[in-house]
Amino acid sequence: MLVSSHFDFRRFCLLLKRDFFEHKKENLRNYLGFFLGYFLIIFVTTYETIDNPAFHPDTYWCPAAVALSLFTIFLQLLWAISTVFSNLKTKQRRISFFMVPATVFEKYLSRLFQSTVVFWAVIPVAFVAADVVGWAVREALGEGHGLVTPHLVAEIGRILTNDGKINGYVFIPTVLVYGSQITAWLALVGTYLLGGTIFRRQPFILTSLTVFLFIILLVTGIGLLAAFGIDWQERVAAIEVIGTQVKVAPYVFPGFITQIVLSLLWTVFCTWYSYRSFARANAIANKVIGL
């Protein structure tokens, strides 16, 4: 058993169990919400299409169901991480949680584990369950279609196997492609972890608005650079395909490496700030932030 002054595995498991059952009604509502959301998406996009040859699964309902499902899953993964401190919304909950005989690190790790591993495990289970129930309902109504899950898994596999090839030629090392994708996701997760730390109420909405405003400012900045004579279109033409030849601009590889490093640094900062804020939290919430 892993035991130290900061972490005891048995105590950590007991804390997880206590925290889960203390908020079991809220957790079950969230799980049911996942299920109903997926069920509505799948049912609406697949209903009443079986008798019309124009509504072939590969050309009509399946792309719509997969696209909406992927978008919803993406949002729910981010929503989950933003709920990391949802158990500290009220003074009573805060006192109850802070009085638990466990270290600050164990309490923080417990919340982080539940808002990532637990929720992220429930989401695919809820989707498959909704898909099976939707299929059964359609069969009972005589509008039978296959399951959406295999198509969704195939699409996710296609996205994940984007290994930097064009016309069979590797123009970017696979390790950079996957490294860029993974670190970009970690940076986004870190952003919503930071938002869940800073914003006391509606952390997902407020964090999303902040990210949206940042994107607007970024696009505006690029527009200003173009207005001052920087040919941005030339700069972003990083990859040019001429026949079977692929020409890569010299700034592509440094750009990938820079993005990976900055994403990792941002993720570390968000995690550090989140833990630091939690460690300094009081039973009476700060009026500016939620901790």
Protein backbone atom coordinates (compact mmCIF):
# COMPACT_ATOMS: atom_id res chain seq x y z
CA MET A 1 0.00 0.00 0.00
CA LEU A 2 1.23 3.45 -0.92
CA VAL A 3 1.53 5.48 2.29
CA SER A 4 3.14 8.85 2.93
CA SER A 5 2.47 11.99 4.89
CA HIS A 6 0.57 13.37 1.89
CA PHE A 7 -1.12 10.36 0.34
CA ASP A 8 -2.59 7.14 1.69
CA PHE A 9 -4.26 4.95 -0.92
CA ARG A 10 -6.78 3.38 1.46
CA ARG A 11 -7.78 6.76 2.86
CA PHE A 12 -8.06 8.11 -0.68
CA CYS A 13 -10.44 5.30 -1.68
CA LEU A 14 -12.58 5.90 1.41
CA LEU A 15 -12.70 9.60 0.55
CA LEU A 16 -13.79 8.80 -3.01
CA LYS A 17 -16.54 6.53 -1.71
CA ARG A 18 -17.73 9.10 0.82
CA ASP A 19 -17.75 11.96 -1.67
CA PHE A 20 -19.59 9.90 -4.28
CA PHE A 21 -22.36 8.70 -1.98
CA GLU A 22 -22.74 12.10 -0.35
CA HIS A 23 -23.59 13.54 -3.77
CA LYS A 24 -25.14 10.41 -5.29
CA LYS A 25 -28.42 12.13 -6.22
CA GLU A 26 -26.60 14.87 -8.07
CA ASN A 27 -24.31 12.34 -9.74
CA LEU A 28 -27.24 10.16 -10.84
CA ARG A 29 -29.01 13.21 -12.28
CA ASN A 30 -25.91 14.00 -14.29
CA TYR A 31 -25.61 10.41 -15.54
CA LEU A 32 -29.29 10.36 -16.48
CA GLY A 33 -28.84 13.68 -18.27
CA PHE A 34 -26.02 12.19 -20.34
CA PHE A 35 -28.22 9.24 -21.28
CA LEU A 36 -31.28 11.32 -22.21
CA GLY A 37 -29.19 13.78 -24.21
CA TYR A 38 -27.62 11.03 -26.30
CA PHE A 39 -30.95 9.25 -26.69
CA LEU A 40 -32.61 12.38 -28.10
CA ILE A 41 -29.73 13.05 -30.48
CA ILE A 42 -29.70 9.48 -31.80
CA PHE A 43 -33.48 9.09 -31.95
CA VAL A 44 -34.15 12.42 -33.69
CA THR A 45 -31.45 11.90 -36.33
CA THR A 46 -32.47 8.30 -37.12
CA TYR A 47 -36.27 8.34 -36.91
CA GLU A 48 -38.49 7.81 -40.00
CA THR A 49 -35.77 7.24 -42.57
CA ILE A 50 -35.93 3.51 -43.22
CA ASP A 51 -38.41 3.55 -46.11
CA ASN A 52 -36.78 6.36 -48.08
CA PRO A 53 -33.79 5.26 -50.18
CA ALA A 54 -32.50 8.83 -50.15
CA PHE A 55 -31.96 8.48 -46.40
CA HIS A 56 -29.23 5.88 -46.63
CA PRO A 57 -27.33 5.52 -43.33
CA ASP A 58 -23.99 6.45 -44.87
CA THR A 59 -25.32 9.59 -46.55
CA TYR A 60 -28.01 10.94 -44.25
CA TRP A 61 -28.71 10.00 -40.65
CA CYS A 62 -25.39 8.44 -39.74
CA PRO A 63 -23.17 11.48 -40.45
CA ALA A 64 -25.66 13.71 -38.64
CA ALA A 65 -25.87 11.41 -35.63
CA VAL A 66 -22.10 10.96 -35.46
CA ALA A 67 -21.35 14.68 -35.83
CA LEU A 68 -23.87 15.73 -33.17
CA SER A 69 -22.76 12.94 -30.85
CA LEU A 70 -19.08 13.84 -31.18
CA PHE A 71 -19.81 17.51 -30.52
CA THR A 72 -21.93 16.66 -27.48
CA ILE A 73 -19.32 14.26 -26.08
CA PHE A 74 -16.64 16.92 -26.55
CA LEU A 75 -18.67 19.49 -24.62
CA GLN A 76 -19.56 17.03 -21.87
CA LEU A 77 -15.92 16.07 -21.33
CA LEU A 78 -15.08 19.74 -20.82
CA TRP A 79 -18.16 20.31 -18.67
CA ALA A 80 -17.08 17.44 -16.43
CA ILE A 81 -13.66 18.92 -15.68
CA SER A 82 -15.23 22.31 -14.94
CA THR A 83 -17.28 20.71 -12.13
CA VAL A 84 -14.14 19.83 -10.16
CA PHE A 85 -15.21 22.01 -7.21
CA SER A 86 -18.98 21.73 -7.58
CA ASN A 87 -19.13 20.14 -4.12
CA LEU A 88 -18.02 23.43 -2.54
CA LYS A 89 -20.89 25.63 -3.68
CA THR A 90 -22.47 26.05 -0.24
CA LYS A 91 -20.97 26.82 3.16
CA GLN A 92 -22.38 23.60 4.64
CA ARG A 93 -20.84 21.49 1.89
CA ARG A 94 -17.51 23.24 2.26
CA ILE A 95 -17.36 22.69 6.01
CA SER A 96 -18.37 19.05 5.59
CA PHE A 97 -15.72 18.40 2.94
CA PHE A 98 -12.90 20.26 4.68
CA MET A 99 -13.58 18.44 7.95
CA VAL A 100 -12.96 15.03 6.37
CA PRO A 101 -9.82 13.43 7.89
CA ALA A 102 -7.67 13.46 4.76
CA THR A 103 -4.81 15.52 3.40
CA VAL A 104 -5.33 18.45 1.04
CA PHE A 105 -3.66 16.50 -1.75
CA GLU A 106 -6.01 13.54 -1.26
CA LYS A 107 -9.06 15.79 -1.29
CA TYR A 108 -7.91 17.59 -4.43
CA LEU A 109 -7.02 14.34 -6.19
CA SER A 110 -10.41 12.90 -5.22
CA ARG A 111 -12.25 15.78 -6.87
CA LEU A 112 -10.00 15.70 -9.92
CA PHE A 113 -10.47 11.93 -10.25
CA GLN A 114 -14.26 12.21 -10.13
CA SER A 115 -14.46 15.07 -12.62
CA THR A 116 -12.19 13.29 -15.10
CA VAL A 117 -11.86 9.51 -14.78
CA VAL A 118 -15.33 8.82 -13.35
CA PHE A 119 -17.28 11.18 -15.59
CA TRP A 120 -15.21 10.33 -18.66
CA ALA A 121 -15.91 6.64 -18.05
CA VAL A 122 -19.64 7.23 -17.59
CA ILE A 123 -19.99 9.24 -20.82
CA PRO A 124 -19.24 6.37 -23.28
CA VAL A 125 -21.32 3.96 -21.18
CA ALA A 126 -24.26 6.38 -21.29
CA PHE A 127 -23.85 6.78 -25.06
CA VAL A 128 -23.82 3.04 -25.76
CA ALA A 129 -26.83 2.53 -23.48
CA ALA A 130 -28.73 5.33 -25.23
CA ASP A 131 -27.80 3.89 -28.62
CA VAL A 132 -29.06 0.41 -27.69
CA VAL A 133 -32.31 1.77 -26.22
CA GLY A 134 -32.81 3.99 -29.26
CA TRP A 135 -32.27 1.02 -31.56
CA ALA A 136 -34.80 -1.05 -29.57
CA VAL A 137 -37.39 1.74 -29.72
CA ARG A 138 -36.92 2.17 -33.47
CA GLU A 139 -37.27 -1.57 -33.98
CA ALA A 140 -40.50 -1.57 -31.97
CA LEU A 141 -41.83 1.30 -34.10
CA GLY A 142 -40.85 -0.42 -37.34
CA GLU A 143 -38.20 2.17 -38.15
CA GLY A 144 -35.25 -0.12 -37.65
CA HIS A 145 -31.70 1.08 -38.18
CA GLY A 146 -28.36 -0.18 -37.07
CA LEU A 147 -26.43 1.13 -34.09
CA VAL A 148 -24.65 4.48 -34.27
CA THR A 149 -21.82 3.40 -31.95
CA PRO A 150 -19.76 1.49 -34.59
CA HIS A 151 -19.88 4.51 -36.91
CA LEU A 152 -18.88 6.82 -34.05
CA VAL A 153 -15.95 4.59 -33.10
CA ALA A 154 -14.85 4.47 -36.75
CA GLU A 155 -14.95 8.27 -36.99
CA ILE A 156 -12.96 8.67 -33.78
CA GLY A 157 -10.43 6.18 -35.14
CA ARG A 158 -10.17 8.17 -38.36
CA ILE A 159 -9.50 11.35 -36.40
CA LEU A 160 -6.91 9.71 -34.18
CA THR A 161 -5.04 8.14 -37.11
CA ASN A 162 -4.33 11.46 -38.80
CA ASP A 163 -0.62 10.70 -38.87
CA GLY A 164 0.65 13.57 -40.99
CA LYS A 165 0.48 11.94 -44.41
CA ILE A 166 -0.55 13.44 -47.74
CA ASN A 167 -0.60 11.29 -50.88
CA GLY A 168 1.11 8.56 -48.85
CA TYR A 169 4.09 10.77 -48.01
CA VAL A 170 4.91 11.70 -44.42
CA PHE A 171 5.23 15.50 -44.34
CA ILE A 172 5.17 15.83 -40.54
CA PRO A 173 6.63 13.23 -38.13
CA THR A 174 3.86 11.20 -36.53
CA VAL A 175 5.20 11.93 -33.06
CA LEU A 176 4.69 15.66 -33.66
CA VAL A 177 1.15 15.16 -34.96
CA TYR A 178 0.07 13.05 -32.00
CA GLY A 179 2.04 15.20 -29.59
CA SER A 180 0.29 18.29 -30.90
CA GLN A 181 -3.16 16.71 -30.60
CA ILE A 182 -2.58 15.34 -27.09
CA THR A 183 -1.05 18.51 -25.68
CA ALA A 184 -3.73 20.69 -27.28
CA TRP A 185 -6.38 18.56 -25.54
CA LEU A 186 -4.49 18.74 -22.24
CA ALA A 187 -4.29 22.53 -22.57
CA LEU A 188 -8.03 22.71 -23.17
CA VAL A 189 -8.69 20.46 -20.17
CA GLY A 190 -6.37 22.64 -18.11
CA THR A 191 -8.29 25.72 -19.22
CA TYR A 192 -11.60 24.31 -17.99
CA LEU A 193 -9.93 23.10 -14.79
CA LEU A 194 -8.77 26.67 -14.26
CA GLY A 195 -12.26 27.95 -15.06
CA GLY A 196 -13.77 25.51 -12.57
CA THR A 197 -11.37 26.94 -9.99
CA ILE A 198 -11.95 30.64 -10.67
CA PHE A 199 -15.67 30.79 -11.39
CA ARG A 200 -17.92 29.94 -8.47
CA ARG A 201 -21.17 29.62 -10.43
CA GLN A 202 -21.71 28.37 -13.98
CA PRO A 203 -18.00 27.57 -14.50
CA PHE A 204 -18.54 25.82 -17.83
CA ILE A 205 -20.51 28.68 -19.37
CA LEU A 206 -18.19 31.40 -18.08
CA THR A 207 -15.07 29.50 -19.12
CA SER A 208 -16.53 28.88 -22.59
CA LEU A 209 -17.33 32.59 -22.94
CA THR A 210 -13.78 33.45 -21.90
CA VAL A 211 -12.34 31.04 -24.47
CA PHE A 212 -14.68 32.49 -27.12
CA LEU A 213 -13.55 36.04 -26.33
CA PHE A 214 -9.92 34.95 -26.51
CA ILE A 215 -10.52 33.45 -29.96
CA ILE A 216 -12.16 36.70 -31.10
CA LEU A 217 -9.17 38.70 -29.84
CA LEU A 218 -6.78 36.29 -31.56
CA VAL A 219 -8.60 36.55 -34.88
CA THR A 220 -8.74 40.34 -34.50
CA GLY A 221 -5.00 40.41 -33.84
CA ILE A 222 -4.33 38.37 -36.98
CA GLY A 223 -6.53 40.77 -38.93
CA LEU A 224 -4.56 43.75 -37.61
CA LEU A 225 -1.30 42.09 -38.60
CA ALA A 226 -2.67 41.67 -42.11
CA ALA A 227 -3.80 45.31 -42.14
CA PHE A 228 -0.25 46.43 -41.30
CA GLY A 229 1.16 44.68 -44.32
CA ILE A 230 1.96 41.19 -43.06
CA ASP A 231 0.85 38.72 -45.72
CA TRP A 232 -0.75 36.20 -43.36
CA GLN A 233 -2.06 34.06 -46.19
CA GLU A 234 1.50 33.46 -47.31
CA ARG A 235 2.57 32.69 -43.77
CA VAL A 236 -0.10 30.08 -43.14
CA ALA A 237 0.46 28.34 -46.48
CA ALA A 238 2.61 25.86 -44.61
CA ILE A 239 1.94 22.83 -46.80
CA GLU A 240 1.71 22.87 -50.56
CA VAL A 241 0.82 19.79 -52.59
CA ILE A 242 2.08 19.71 -56.17
CA GLY A 243 1.15 16.44 -57.80
CA THR A 244 2.61 13.77 -55.57
CA GLN A 245 5.15 16.12 -54.02
CA VAL A 246 4.55 17.77 -50.66
CA LYS A 247 6.36 21.03 -49.89
CA VAL A 248 6.57 21.98 -46.22
CA ALA A 249 7.43 25.52 -45.11
CA PRO A 250 10.49 25.75 -42.82
CA TYR A 251 8.49 27.18 -39.91
CA VAL A 252 6.12 24.18 -39.66
CA PHE A 253 8.30 21.96 -37.46
CA PRO A 254 9.33 24.74 -35.03
CA GLY A 255 5.67 25.74 -34.92
CA PHE A 256 4.59 22.25 -33.87
CA ILE A 257 7.28 22.07 -31.20
CA THR A 258 6.41 25.54 -29.89
CA GLN A 259 2.73 24.62 -29.66
CA ILE A 260 3.53 21.41 -27.78
CA VAL A 261 5.80 23.18 -25.28
CA LEU A 262 3.38 26.07 -24.69
CA SER A 263 0.45 23.66 -24.28
CA LEU A 264 2.36 21.65 -21.68
CA LEU A 265 3.41 24.78 -19.79
CA TRP A 266 -0.16 26.08 -19.79
CA THR A 267 -1.49 22.72 -18.54
CA VAL A 268 1.06 22.65 -15.72
CA PHE A 269 0.22 26.23 -14.75
CA CYS A 270 -3.53 25.57 -14.70
CA THR A 271 -3.08 22.46 -12.57
CA TRP A 272 -0.68 24.21 -10.19
CA TYR A 273 -2.95 27.24 -9.78
CA SER A 274 -5.98 25.03 -9.25
CA TYR A 275 -4.25 23.00 -6.53
CA ARG A 276 -2.77 26.10 -4.92
CA SER A 277 -6.19 27.77 -4.76
CA PHE A 278 -7.78 24.63 -3.35
CA ALA A 279 -5.06 24.28 -0.71
CA ARG A 280 -5.73 27.86 0.43
CA ALA A 281 -9.51 27.53 0.36
CA ASN A 282 -11.63 28.47 3.37
CA ALA A 283 -15.01 27.35 4.62
CA ILE A 284 -16.37 30.80 3.71
CA ALA A 285 -16.04 31.27 -0.03
CA ASN A 286 -14.16 34.17 -1.54
CA LYS A 287 -16.54 36.66 -3.15
CA VAL A 288 -14.38 37.01 -6.24
CA ILE A 289 -13.56 33.37 -6.92
CA GLY A 290 -15.26 30.19 -5.82
CA LEU A 291 -12.58 29.13 -3.31
